[in-house]
Structures are given as C-alpha cells and as structure tokens.
C-alpha cells in the first residue's frame, strides 16, 4: 500500500504541483486548503507525513504543528516557507517539525526529503532493539524510554536524539553530525535547535544524581555512564 501524504497549502497551484509530483513518486495524497480543513481531515485520515505551508490564513503552519503536537499527534511534518530566514528553521524544528524547505524548491529535492523523513520515522519499526546507559533504557520496538524503570514521556524528536546519543555512547558527537542524523539538515546553519533539545532531554533525564549528557565545549555532546 502506498504511503499517504497530506499537503496543506492555501495556494491551489502549489497543492496540485506537489500532489502530481508525489503521485509520480509512488505516494497517495490528500490536500487541504488551510490548517482548519487539515485539522478536520486528521480526525478521519491518518497520513504518513504532512507537508505544511507556514504562511496561511486563519492559522499559520507553526500554530498548526504546535496544536497537533499538543494533542499527541506525532505525524512527521515537512514545513514550507517563502521566507529563507534561518530563525524560521529553528522555530519549526523546535516545535516538532521534521524538516523545512524554502520556496521556490526543486520537486526532486522535496521528494528526496519526504523519503528521508519517512525512513527516519519508520526506523524504530524496522530495527527493534533495546539500548541502555546507566538508568536510561530505550526500547525501539515499544518506542518507550524508562529511567530506573519509570516511563519518561519524550517527543518523537527527543526520542530520535536520545537514540543517536545511546547508539554512540561514550563518543563526542558534533552539532553538525546531530543535525544531519536527527533533523536531516546538511547545510551550514546557526540554528540552536540541538542545544534546545539537549536541554529538553536533560530536564527529563538528569535526576537522581545522574548527569549523563555532557557538553564538550566547542565540539559537541557525549552520553556518558558516570558523572564526571
């Protein structure tokens, strides 16, 4: 069965262009002219990925993603914007978007990004495994993280970031590496999204004398077993 992509954009031409390109790439599509329509569709439709324009009437793309994340909907989201401001990239990724494309964009690049997001989101289903460091255990099959046996509620992005840190425990990982592995960003950027999400993880996992996520100044971050 083909994967379903929901396209949310107030420009009919963009919706049709994206729908045609994605159908040629083997995806099924459903479209919405604004975020309000998309919210209604999500009650009965379960897409594998959302393509969300930022600049829309009634409710912009940022607010839409924030709302659905707040309601527990973790469907992967790719954001579109006519603005090239890197602050938009940071905001979009921080509220839970998975990637960001600036208009005008190449259709081939967009399809590649869609495939990359879907691969990342399905990774936990494809390779079930359990990773652990100190009091932290991550179970990919059940998509669950525990701290000394107590379940810790993580967002999908927090989960992916912790997964990368656990897989490379003891290694110092650069921000550039983490941006590529977790967010799929492979361009030069001043975004602070890595620092933001490291902070989120520390708030949830640094307790009971465990401070395993270490900052290596000027280099990156390291997950260590013992507090240094």
C-alpha atoms as a PDB file:
ATOM      1  CA  UNK A   1       0.000   0.000   0.000  1.00  0.00           C
ATOM      2  CA  UNK A   2       1.322   3.443  -0.957  1.00  0.00           C
ATOM      3  CA  UNK A   3       2.136   5.864   1.843  1.00  0.00           C
ATOM      4  CA  UNK A   4      -0.253   8.787   2.260  1.00  0.00           C
ATOM      5  CA  UNK A   5       0.990  12.402   2.229  1.00  0.00           C
ATOM      6  CA  UNK A   6      -1.277  15.263   3.346  1.00  0.00           C
ATOM      7  CA  UNK A   7      -0.493  18.581   1.600  1.00  0.00           C
ATOM      8  CA  UNK A   8      -1.637  21.697   3.471  1.00  0.00           C
ATOM      9  CA  UNK A   9      -1.212  24.912   1.474  1.00  0.00           C
ATOM     10  CA  UNK A  10      -3.549  27.809   0.662  1.00  0.00           C
ATOM     11  CA  UNK A  11      -2.206  28.079  -2.920  1.00  0.00           C
ATOM     12  CA  UNK A  12      -4.122  25.719  -5.211  1.00  0.00           C
ATOM     13  CA  UNK A  13      -1.258  25.679  -7.744  1.00  0.00           C
ATOM     14  CA  UNK A  14       1.225  24.513  -5.106  1.00  0.00           C
ATOM     15  CA  UNK A  15      -1.147  21.813  -3.843  1.00  0.00           C
ATOM     16  CA  UNK A  16      -1.662  20.477  -7.369  1.00  0.00           C
ATOM     17  CA  UNK A  17       2.044  20.620  -8.221  1.00  0.00           C
ATOM     18  CA  UNK A  18       3.044  18.733  -5.082  1.00  0.00           C
ATOM     19  CA  UNK A  19       0.227  16.197  -5.447  1.00  0.00           C
ATOM     20  CA  UNK A  20       1.265  15.425  -9.037  1.00  0.00           C
ATOM     21  CA  UNK A  21       4.973  15.103  -8.137  1.00  0.00           C
ATOM     22  CA  UNK A  22       4.284  12.860  -5.139  1.00  0.00           C
ATOM     23  CA  UNK A  23       1.882  10.640  -7.098  1.00  0.00           C
ATOM     24  CA  UNK A  24       4.573  10.183  -9.775  1.00  0.00           C
ATOM     25  CA  UNK A  25       6.950   9.187  -6.961  1.00  0.00           C
ATOM     26  CA  UNK A  26       4.518   6.478  -5.822  1.00  0.00           C
ATOM     27  CA  UNK A  27       2.708   8.202  -2.953  1.00  0.00           C
ATOM     28  CA  UNK A  28      -1.003   8.714  -2.344  1.00  0.00           C
ATOM     29  CA  UNK A  29      -2.019  12.282  -1.478  1.00  0.00           C
ATOM     30  CA  UNK A  30      -4.798  14.226   0.192  1.00  0.00           C
ATOM     31  CA  UNK A  31      -4.921  18.035   0.171  1.00  0.00           C
ATOM     32  CA  UNK A  32      -6.235  20.779   2.446  1.00  0.00           C
ATOM     33  CA  UNK A  33      -6.578  24.490   1.566  1.00  0.00           C
ATOM     34  CA  UNK A  34      -5.846  25.628   5.129  1.00  0.00           C
ATOM     35  CA  UNK A  35      -4.959  24.358   8.586  1.00  0.00           C
ATOM     36  CA  UNK A  36      -8.553  24.312   9.796  1.00  0.00           C
ATOM     37  CA  UNK A  37      -9.546  21.943   6.975  1.00  0.00           C
ATOM     38  CA  UNK A  38      -6.467  19.832   7.738  1.00  0.00           C
ATOM     39  CA  UNK A  39      -7.448  19.523  11.408  1.00  0.00           C
ATOM     40  CA  UNK A  40     -10.858  18.227  10.369  1.00  0.00           C
ATOM     41  CA  UNK A  41      -9.330  15.753   7.903  1.00  0.00           C
ATOM     42  CA  UNK A  42      -6.977  14.392  10.572  1.00  0.00           C
ATOM     43  CA  UNK A  43      -9.977  13.147  12.541  1.00  0.00           C
ATOM     44  CA  UNK A  44     -10.704  10.560   9.859  1.00  0.00           C
ATOM     45  CA  UNK A  45      -7.459  10.349   7.857  1.00  0.00           C
ATOM     46  CA  UNK A  46      -4.122   9.006   9.084  1.00  0.00           C
ATOM     47  CA  UNK A  47      -1.388  10.277   6.757  1.00  0.00           C
ATOM     48  CA  UNK A  48       2.196   9.059   6.990  1.00  0.00           C
ATOM     49  CA  UNK A  49       3.548  12.594   6.558  1.00  0.00           C
ATOM     50  CA  UNK A  50       2.304  16.201   6.489  1.00  0.00           C
ATOM     51  CA  UNK A  51       3.609  18.899   4.139  1.00  0.00           C
ATOM     52  CA  UNK A  52       2.641  22.180   5.808  1.00  0.00           C
ATOM     53  CA  UNK A  53       2.930  25.696   4.392  1.00  0.00           C
ATOM     54  CA  UNK A  54       3.844  28.270   7.036  1.00  0.00           C
ATOM     55  CA  UNK A  55       2.115  31.347   5.589  1.00  0.00           C
ATOM     56  CA  UNK A  56      -1.599  30.506   5.609  1.00  0.00           C
ATOM     57  CA  UNK A  57      -4.731  32.470   6.628  1.00  0.00           C
ATOM     58  CA  UNK A  58      -6.742  31.643   9.770  1.00  0.00           C
ATOM     59  CA  UNK A  59      -3.950  29.557  11.298  1.00  0.00           C
ATOM     60  CA  UNK A  60      -0.323  29.531  10.165  1.00  0.00           C
ATOM     61  CA  UNK A  61       1.778  26.391   9.815  1.00  0.00           C
ATOM     62  CA  UNK A  62       3.637  26.951  13.079  1.00  0.00           C
ATOM     63  CA  UNK A  63       0.435  27.125  15.089  1.00  0.00           C
ATOM     64  CA  UNK A  64      -0.987  24.096  13.268  1.00  0.00           C
ATOM     65  CA  UNK A  65       2.028  21.908  14.092  1.00  0.00           C
ATOM     66  CA  UNK A  66       2.070  23.157  17.696  1.00  0.00           C
ATOM     67  CA  UNK A  67      -1.618  22.317  18.075  1.00  0.00           C
ATOM     68  CA  UNK A  68      -1.442  18.791  16.699  1.00  0.00           C
ATOM     69  CA  UNK A  69       1.722  18.040  18.712  1.00  0.00           C
ATOM     70  CA  UNK A  70      -0.068  19.334  21.803  1.00  0.00           C
ATOM     71  CA  UNK A  71      -2.897  16.902  21.044  1.00  0.00           C
ATOM     72  CA  UNK A  72      -0.487  13.973  20.856  1.00  0.00           C
ATOM     73  CA  UNK A  73      -0.368  13.717  17.045  1.00  0.00           C
ATOM     74  CA  UNK A  74       3.225  12.888  16.117  1.00  0.00           C
ATOM     75  CA  UNK A  75       2.755  12.531  12.351  1.00  0.00           C
ATOM     76  CA  UNK A  76       6.046  13.616  10.695  1.00  0.00           C
ATOM     77  CA  UNK A  77       5.851  17.143   9.255  1.00  0.00           C
ATOM     78  CA  UNK A  78       7.783  18.919   6.499  1.00  0.00           C
ATOM     79  CA  UNK A  79       7.322  22.706   6.552  1.00  0.00           C
ATOM     80  CA  UNK A  80       7.282  25.002   3.501  1.00  0.00           C
ATOM     81  CA  UNK A  81       8.013  28.726   3.557  1.00  0.00           C
ATOM     82  CA  UNK A  82       8.607  31.557   1.113  1.00  0.00           C
ATOM     83  CA  UNK A  83      10.952  33.033   3.691  1.00  0.00           C
ATOM     84  CA  UNK A  84      14.583  31.989   3.920  1.00  0.00           C
ATOM     85  CA  UNK A  85      15.079  33.206   7.481  1.00  0.00           C
ATOM     86  CA  UNK A  86      17.007  30.625   9.498  1.00  0.00           C
ATOM     87  CA  UNK A  87      15.005  31.724  12.557  1.00  0.00           C
ATOM     88  CA  UNK A  88      12.031  30.075  10.862  1.00  0.00           C
ATOM     89  CA  UNK A  89      14.041  26.857  10.563  1.00  0.00           C
ATOM     90  CA  UNK A  90      14.818  26.920  14.276  1.00  0.00           C
ATOM     91  CA  UNK A  91      11.238  27.663  15.262  1.00  0.00           C
ATOM     92  CA  UNK A  92       9.801  24.982  13.002  1.00  0.00           C
ATOM     93  CA  UNK A  93      12.180  22.290  14.194  1.00  0.00           C
ATOM     94  CA  UNK A  94      11.802  23.298  17.835  1.00  0.00           C
ATOM     95  CA  UNK A  95       8.008  22.946  17.791  1.00  0.00           C
ATOM     96  CA  UNK A  96       8.278  19.450  16.365  1.00  0.00           C
ATOM     97  CA  UNK A  97       8.611  19.697  12.571  1.00  0.00           C
ATOM     98  CA  UNK A  98      10.937  17.162  10.966  1.00  0.00           C
ATOM     99  CA  UNK A  99      12.322  19.202   8.083  1.00  0.00           C
ATOM    100  CA  UNK A 100      11.996  22.579   6.357  1.00  0.00           C
ATOM    101  CA  UNK A 101      12.066  23.589   2.684  1.00  0.00           C
ATOM    102  CA  UNK A 102      12.171  27.161   1.366  1.00  0.00           C
ATOM    103  CA  UNK A 103      10.169  28.165  -1.725  1.00  0.00           C
ATOM    104  CA  UNK A 104      10.961  28.001  -4.582  1.00  0.00           C
ATOM    105  CA  UNK A 105      12.179  24.423  -4.274  1.00  0.00           C
ATOM    106  CA  UNK A 106      13.067  21.631  -6.666  1.00  0.00           C
ATOM    107  CA  UNK A 107      10.489  18.847  -6.777  1.00  0.00           C
ATOM    108  CA  UNK A 108      13.204  16.189  -6.870  1.00  0.00           C
ATOM    109  CA  UNK A 109      14.781  17.593  -3.695  1.00  0.00           C
ATOM    110  CA  UNK A 110      11.416  17.746  -1.953  1.00  0.00           C
ATOM    111  CA  UNK A 111      10.621  14.116  -2.808  1.00  0.00           C
ATOM    112  CA  UNK A 112      14.055  13.064  -1.513  1.00  0.00           C
ATOM    113  CA  UNK A 113      13.408  14.917   1.743  1.00  0.00           C
ATOM    114  CA  UNK A 114       9.988  13.265   2.060  1.00  0.00           C
ATOM    115  CA  UNK A 115      11.570   9.832   1.623  1.00  0.00           C
ATOM    116  CA  UNK A 116      14.291  10.669   4.174  1.00  0.00           C
ATOM    117  CA  UNK A 117      11.732  11.746   6.799  1.00  0.00           C
ATOM    118  CA  UNK A 118       9.682   8.591   6.248  1.00  0.00           C
ATOM    119  CA  UNK A 119      12.798   6.416   6.581  1.00  0.00           C
ATOM    120  CA  UNK A 120      13.708   8.106   9.869  1.00  0.00           C
ATOM    121  CA  UNK A 121      10.171   7.838  11.241  1.00  0.00           C
ATOM    122  CA  UNK A 122       9.971   4.130  10.382  1.00  0.00           C
ATOM    123  CA  UNK A 123      13.411   3.271  11.692  1.00  0.00           C
ATOM    124  CA  UNK A 124      12.152   2.142  15.068  1.00  0.00           C
ATOM    125  CA  UNK A 125       9.738  -0.275  13.424  1.00  0.00           C
ATOM    126  CA  UNK A 126      12.360  -1.725  11.099  1.00  0.00           C
ATOM    127  CA  UNK A 127      15.075  -2.354  13.660  1.00  0.00           C
ATOM    128  CA  UNK A 128      13.590  -3.145  17.068  1.00  0.00           C
ATOM    129  CA  UNK A 129      16.280  -3.114  19.724  1.00  0.00           C
ATOM    130  CA  UNK A 130      16.928  -2.073  23.305  1.00  0.00           C
ATOM    131  CA  UNK A 131      19.643   0.457  24.151  1.00  0.00           C
ATOM    132  CA  UNK A 132      20.715   1.340  27.683  1.00  0.00           C
ATOM    133  CA  UNK A 133      23.133   3.583  29.552  1.00  0.00           C
ATOM    134  CA  UNK A 134      23.083   3.812  33.336  1.00  0.00           C
ATOM    135  CA  UNK A 135      19.468   4.251  34.490  1.00  0.00           C
ATOM    136  CA  UNK A 136      18.213   5.019  30.940  1.00  0.00           C
ATOM    137  CA  UNK A 137      16.687   2.317  28.732  1.00  0.00           C
ATOM    138  CA  UNK A 138      15.301   2.921  25.246  1.00  0.00           C
ATOM    139  CA  UNK A 139      13.122   0.208  23.694  1.00  0.00           C
ATOM    140  CA  UNK A 140      12.665   0.842  19.972  1.00  0.00           C
ATOM    141  CA  UNK A 141      10.042  -1.856  19.477  1.00  0.00           C
ATOM    142  CA  UNK A 142       7.653  -0.321  22.021  1.00  0.00           C
ATOM    143  CA  UNK A 143       9.006   3.213  21.415  1.00  0.00           C
ATOM    144  CA  UNK A 144       9.420   3.601  25.167  1.00  0.00           C
ATOM    145  CA  UNK A 145      12.087   5.231  27.335  1.00  0.00           C
ATOM    146  CA  UNK A 146      12.449   4.480  31.037  1.00  0.00           C
ATOM    147  CA  UNK A 147      14.581   5.938  33.819  1.00  0.00           C
ATOM    148  CA  UNK A 148      15.181   3.382  36.588  1.00  0.00           C
ATOM    149  CA  UNK A 149      12.096   1.572  35.325  1.00  0.00           C
ATOM    150  CA  UNK A 150       9.877   4.678  35.288  1.00  0.00           C
ATOM    151  CA  UNK A 151       8.478   5.630  31.884  1.00  0.00           C
ATOM    152  CA  UNK A 152       9.708   9.009  30.561  1.00  0.00           C
ATOM    153  CA  UNK A 153       7.482  10.812  28.064  1.00  0.00           C
ATOM    154  CA  UNK A 154       9.549  12.022  25.090  1.00  0.00           C
ATOM    155  CA  UNK A 155       8.507  13.725  21.866  1.00  0.00           C
ATOM    156  CA  UNK A 156       9.462  11.948  18.600  1.00  0.00           C
ATOM    157  CA  UNK A 157      12.388  14.333  18.093  1.00  0.00           C
ATOM    158  CA  UNK A 158      13.617  13.873  21.682  1.00  0.00           C
ATOM    159  CA  UNK A 159      13.369  10.117  21.159  1.00  0.00           C
ATOM    160  CA  UNK A 160      15.439  10.243  17.946  1.00  0.00           C
ATOM    161  CA  UNK A 161      18.080  12.448  19.565  1.00  0.00           C
ATOM    162  CA  UNK A 162      18.373  10.156  22.587  1.00  0.00           C
ATOM    163  CA  UNK A 163      18.566   7.150  20.262  1.00  0.00           C
ATOM    164  CA  UNK A 164      21.552   8.655  18.412  1.00  0.00           C
ATOM    165  CA  UNK A 165      23.279   9.514  21.698  1.00  0.00           C
ATOM    166  CA  UNK A 166      22.704   5.998  23.058  1.00  0.00           C
ATOM    167  CA  UNK A 167      23.938   4.327  19.875  1.00  0.00           C
ATOM    168  CA  UNK A 168      27.158   6.323  20.141  1.00  0.00           C
ATOM    169  CA  UNK A 169      27.546   6.289  23.945  1.00  0.00           C
ATOM    170  CA  UNK A 170      30.964   7.460  25.006  1.00  0.00           C
ATOM    171  CA  UNK A 171      31.623   9.230  21.705  1.00  0.00           C
ATOM    172  CA  UNK A 172      31.569  13.006  21.389  1.00  0.00           C
ATOM    173  CA  UNK A 173      29.062  13.911  18.673  1.00  0.00           C
ATOM    174  CA  UNK A 174      29.288  17.267  16.915  1.00  0.00           C
ATOM    175  CA  UNK A 175      26.267  19.518  16.410  1.00  0.00           C
ATOM    176  CA  UNK A 176      26.735  19.107  12.657  1.00  0.00           C
ATOM    177  CA  UNK A 177      26.500  15.315  12.988  1.00  0.00           C
ATOM    178  CA  UNK A 178      23.413  15.528  15.204  1.00  0.00           C
ATOM    179  CA  UNK A 179      21.673  17.982  12.855  1.00  0.00           C
ATOM    180  CA  UNK A 180      22.216  15.560   9.977  1.00  0.00           C
ATOM    181  CA  UNK A 181      21.236  12.392  11.882  1.00  0.00           C
ATOM    182  CA  UNK A 182      18.218  13.726  13.781  1.00  0.00           C
ATOM    183  CA  UNK A 183      16.881  16.586  11.635  1.00  0.00           C
ATOM    184  CA  UNK A 184      18.298  15.778   8.198  1.00  0.00           C
ATOM    185  CA  UNK A 185      19.975  19.215   7.985  1.00  0.00           C
ATOM    186  CA  UNK A 186      23.131  19.080   5.876  1.00  0.00           C
ATOM    187  CA  UNK A 187      23.699  22.784   5.252  1.00  0.00           C
ATOM    188  CA  UNK A 188      25.542  25.470   7.206  1.00  0.00           C
ATOM    189  CA  UNK A 189      23.251  26.975   9.812  1.00  0.00           C
ATOM    190  CA  UNK A 190      23.434  28.907  13.059  1.00  0.00           C
ATOM    191  CA  UNK A 191      20.355  27.153  14.463  1.00  0.00           C
ATOM    192  CA  UNK A 192      20.345  26.377  18.187  1.00  0.00           C
ATOM    193  CA  UNK A 193      17.858  23.526  17.823  1.00  0.00           C
ATOM    194  CA  UNK A 194      20.406  20.913  19.014  1.00  0.00           C
ATOM    195  CA  UNK A 195      21.127  22.864  22.203  1.00  0.00           C
ATOM    196  CA  UNK A 196      17.382  23.334  22.738  1.00  0.00           C
ATOM    197  CA  UNK A 197      16.632  19.607  22.511  1.00  0.00           C
ATOM    198  CA  UNK A 198      19.669  18.635  24.601  1.00  0.00           C
ATOM    199  CA  UNK A 199      18.214  20.955  27.249  1.00  0.00           C
ATOM    200  CA  UNK A 200      14.835  19.199  26.962  1.00  0.00           C
ATOM    201  CA  UNK A 201      16.471  15.789  27.458  1.00  0.00           C
ATOM    202  CA  UNK A 202      18.464  16.989  30.454  1.00  0.00           C
ATOM    203  CA  UNK A 203      15.329  18.296  32.146  1.00  0.00           C
ATOM    204  CA  UNK A 204      13.740  14.863  31.809  1.00  0.00           C
ATOM    205  CA  UNK A 205      16.762  12.601  32.364  1.00  0.00           C
ATOM    206  CA  UNK A 206      19.168  14.436  34.679  1.00  0.00           C
ATOM    207  CA  UNK A 207      17.963  13.374  38.110  1.00  0.00           C
ATOM    208  CA  UNK A 208      18.828  11.073  40.993  1.00  0.00           C
ATOM    209  CA  UNK A 209      22.481  12.178  40.669  1.00  0.00           C
ATOM    210  CA  UNK A 210      22.636  11.098  37.029  1.00  0.00           C
ATOM    211  CA  UNK A 211      24.037  13.729  34.670  1.00  0.00           C
ATOM    212  CA  UNK A 212      24.961  11.624  31.681  1.00  0.00           C
ATOM    213  CA  UNK A 213      24.609  14.131  28.831  1.00  0.00           C
ATOM    214  CA  UNK A 214      27.881  16.065  28.816  1.00  0.00           C
ATOM    215  CA  UNK A 215      28.708  19.190  26.809  1.00  0.00           C
ATOM    216  CA  UNK A 216      32.182  19.198  25.283  1.00  0.00           C
ATOM    217  CA  UNK A 217      32.676  22.896  24.743  1.00  0.00           C
ATOM    218  CA  UNK A 218      33.401  23.818  21.145  1.00  0.00           C
ATOM    219  CA  UNK A 219      32.916  20.227  19.966  1.00  0.00           C
ATOM    220  CA  UNK A 220      29.509  18.756  20.782  1.00  0.00           C
ATOM    221  CA  UNK A 221      27.804  16.370  23.193  1.00  0.00           C
ATOM    222  CA  UNK A 222      28.546  12.999  24.758  1.00  0.00           C
ATOM    223  CA  UNK A 223      26.387  10.478  26.584  1.00  0.00           C
ATOM    224  CA  UNK A 224      28.431   9.023  29.414  1.00  0.00           C
ATOM    225  CA  UNK A 225      27.523   6.443  32.022  1.00  0.00           C
ATOM    226  CA  UNK A 226      29.080   8.032  35.030  1.00  0.00           C
ATOM    227  CA  UNK A 227      29.044  11.626  36.183  1.00  0.00           C
ATOM    228  CA  UNK A 228      32.463  13.187  35.726  1.00  0.00           C
END
